[in-house]
Protein backbone atom coordinates (compact mmCIF):
# COMPACT_ATOMS: atom_id res chain seq x y z
CA MET A 1 0.00 0.00 0.00
CA SER A 2 1.27 3.47 -0.85
CA GLU A 3 2.07 5.93 1.90
CA ILE A 4 -0.45 8.41 0.50
CA LYS A 5 -3.22 5.83 0.75
CA HIS A 6 -2.17 4.94 4.28
CA ILE A 7 -2.27 8.61 5.34
CA LEU A 8 -5.70 9.06 3.72
CA GLN A 9 -6.97 6.08 5.74
CA GLN A 10 -5.75 7.76 8.92
CA ILE A 11 -7.32 11.07 7.91
CA THR A 12 -10.64 9.34 7.27
CA ALA A 13 -10.50 7.63 10.66
CA LEU A 14 -9.68 10.93 12.38
CA SER A 15 -12.10 13.15 10.47
CA ASP A 16 -14.16 13.86 13.61
CA VAL A 17 -11.08 14.77 15.68
CA PRO A 18 -8.55 16.12 13.17
CA ASP A 19 -4.85 16.35 13.97
CA PRO A 20 -2.79 18.87 11.95
CA ALA A 21 0.23 16.55 12.18
CA VAL A 22 -1.51 14.01 9.95
CA LEU A 23 -2.28 16.67 7.32
CA LYS A 24 1.38 17.69 7.52
CA ARG A 25 2.37 14.09 6.77
CA LEU A 26 0.18 14.13 3.65
CA ILE A 27 1.62 17.47 2.50
CA ASP A 28 5.17 16.27 3.15
CA GLU A 29 4.48 13.11 1.16
CA LEU A 30 3.19 15.14 -1.81
CA ARG A 31 5.93 17.79 -1.65
CA VAL A 32 9.05 17.41 -3.78
CA SER A 33 12.08 19.56 -4.53
CA ASP A 34 12.01 22.22 -7.25
CA LYS A 35 14.18 19.97 -9.40
CA GLU A 36 11.53 17.23 -9.64
CA PRO A 37 8.38 18.68 -11.24
CA THR A 38 7.55 15.34 -12.86
CA LEU A 39 7.52 13.63 -9.47
CA ALA A 40 5.23 16.35 -8.12
CA ASN A 41 2.77 15.66 -10.94
CA GLN A 42 2.98 11.91 -10.26
CA ASN A 43 2.29 12.42 -6.56
CA ILE A 44 -0.75 14.61 -7.23
CA GLN A 45 -2.01 12.13 -9.83
CA GLU A 46 -1.64 9.31 -7.31
CA LEU A 47 -3.65 11.33 -4.78
CA ILE A 48 -6.37 11.99 -7.37
CA ASP A 49 -6.48 8.31 -8.39
CA ILE A 50 -6.79 7.13 -4.79
CA LEU A 51 -9.55 9.65 -4.06
CA ARG A 52 -11.44 8.53 -7.18
CA GLN A 53 -11.09 4.85 -6.28
CA HIS A 54 -12.08 5.46 -2.64
CA PRO A 55 -14.75 8.17 -2.38
CA GLU A 56 -14.85 7.60 1.38
CA TYR A 57 -11.27 8.94 1.55
CA ALA A 58 -12.33 12.04 -0.39
CA ASP A 59 -15.22 12.59 2.05
CA GLY A 60 -12.91 11.98 5.02
CA LEU A 61 -10.27 14.38 3.69
CA SER A 62 -12.78 17.16 3.04
CA SER A 63 -14.37 16.72 6.47
CA PHE A 64 -10.93 16.60 8.11
CA VAL A 65 -9.72 19.80 6.42
CA LEU A 66 -12.97 21.68 7.07
CA LYS A 67 -12.85 20.82 10.78
CA LEU A 68 -9.22 21.90 10.97
CA ILE A 69 -10.07 25.22 9.34
CA ILE A 70 -12.99 25.78 11.70
CA GLU A 71 -11.23 24.71 14.91
CA TYR A 72 -7.67 25.91 14.30
CA ARG A 73 -6.24 29.39 13.97
CA GLN A 74 -5.48 29.91 10.28
CA ILE A 75 -1.90 31.14 10.57
CA ALA A 76 -0.97 28.39 13.04
CA LEU A 77 -2.59 25.78 10.78
CA TYR A 78 -0.60 26.93 7.75
CA THR A 79 2.70 27.00 9.61
CA ASP A 80 2.12 23.77 11.59
CA THR A 81 1.30 21.84 8.43
CA GLY A 82 4.20 23.32 6.47
CA ILE A 83 2.02 25.09 3.92
CA MET A 84 3.71 28.38 4.80
CA SER A 85 6.67 29.15 7.00
CA ASP A 86 6.64 31.50 9.97
CA GLN A 87 9.04 33.70 8.00
CA GLY A 88 6.37 34.43 5.40
CA PHE A 89 4.01 35.80 8.03
CA LEU A 90 6.81 37.76 9.68
CA ILE A 91 7.61 39.48 6.39
CA VAL A 92 3.94 40.36 5.85
CA TYR A 93 3.69 41.67 9.43
CA VAL A 94 6.80 43.86 9.05
CA ALA A 95 5.58 45.22 5.71
CA LEU A 96 2.17 45.98 7.19
CA SER A 97 3.76 47.65 10.23
CA ASP A 98 5.95 49.79 7.97
CA THR A 99 2.94 50.83 5.91
CA VAL A 100 0.90 51.76 8.97
CA PHE A 101 3.83 53.66 10.47
CA TYR A 102 4.47 55.55 7.25
CA ARG A 103 0.82 56.42 6.72
CA TYR A 104 -0.03 57.61 10.19
CA CYS A 105 3.09 58.35 12.17
CA HIS A 106 5.33 59.70 9.43
CA LYS A 107 2.82 62.39 8.47
CA LYS A 108 2.43 63.53 12.09
CA ILE A 109 6.20 63.70 12.61
CA LEU A 110 6.66 65.87 9.49
CA SER A 111 3.82 68.25 10.32
């Protein structure tokens, strides 16, 4: 049995009580390096094929992800599952802080 199928079985079993670590395992299994785009396509195709062959896994995955989104803070979910690094949010925060400072504080300092 493929690792992707095994993870989908776990996700289906845990769909009522989702664990972000299991979603991270699925994402890590699908993720490849930049130098292997063909392997990335193969991994996604394998996921699609398994979900088509086992509609209960598709239902379990959608329920699992929806519960995670509802019950988990979005930023923490994205960083804990490896979808986005903490650095990405830090950069956005700094840029937003700079914009706010420039717009409101900078004008008051100059006037």
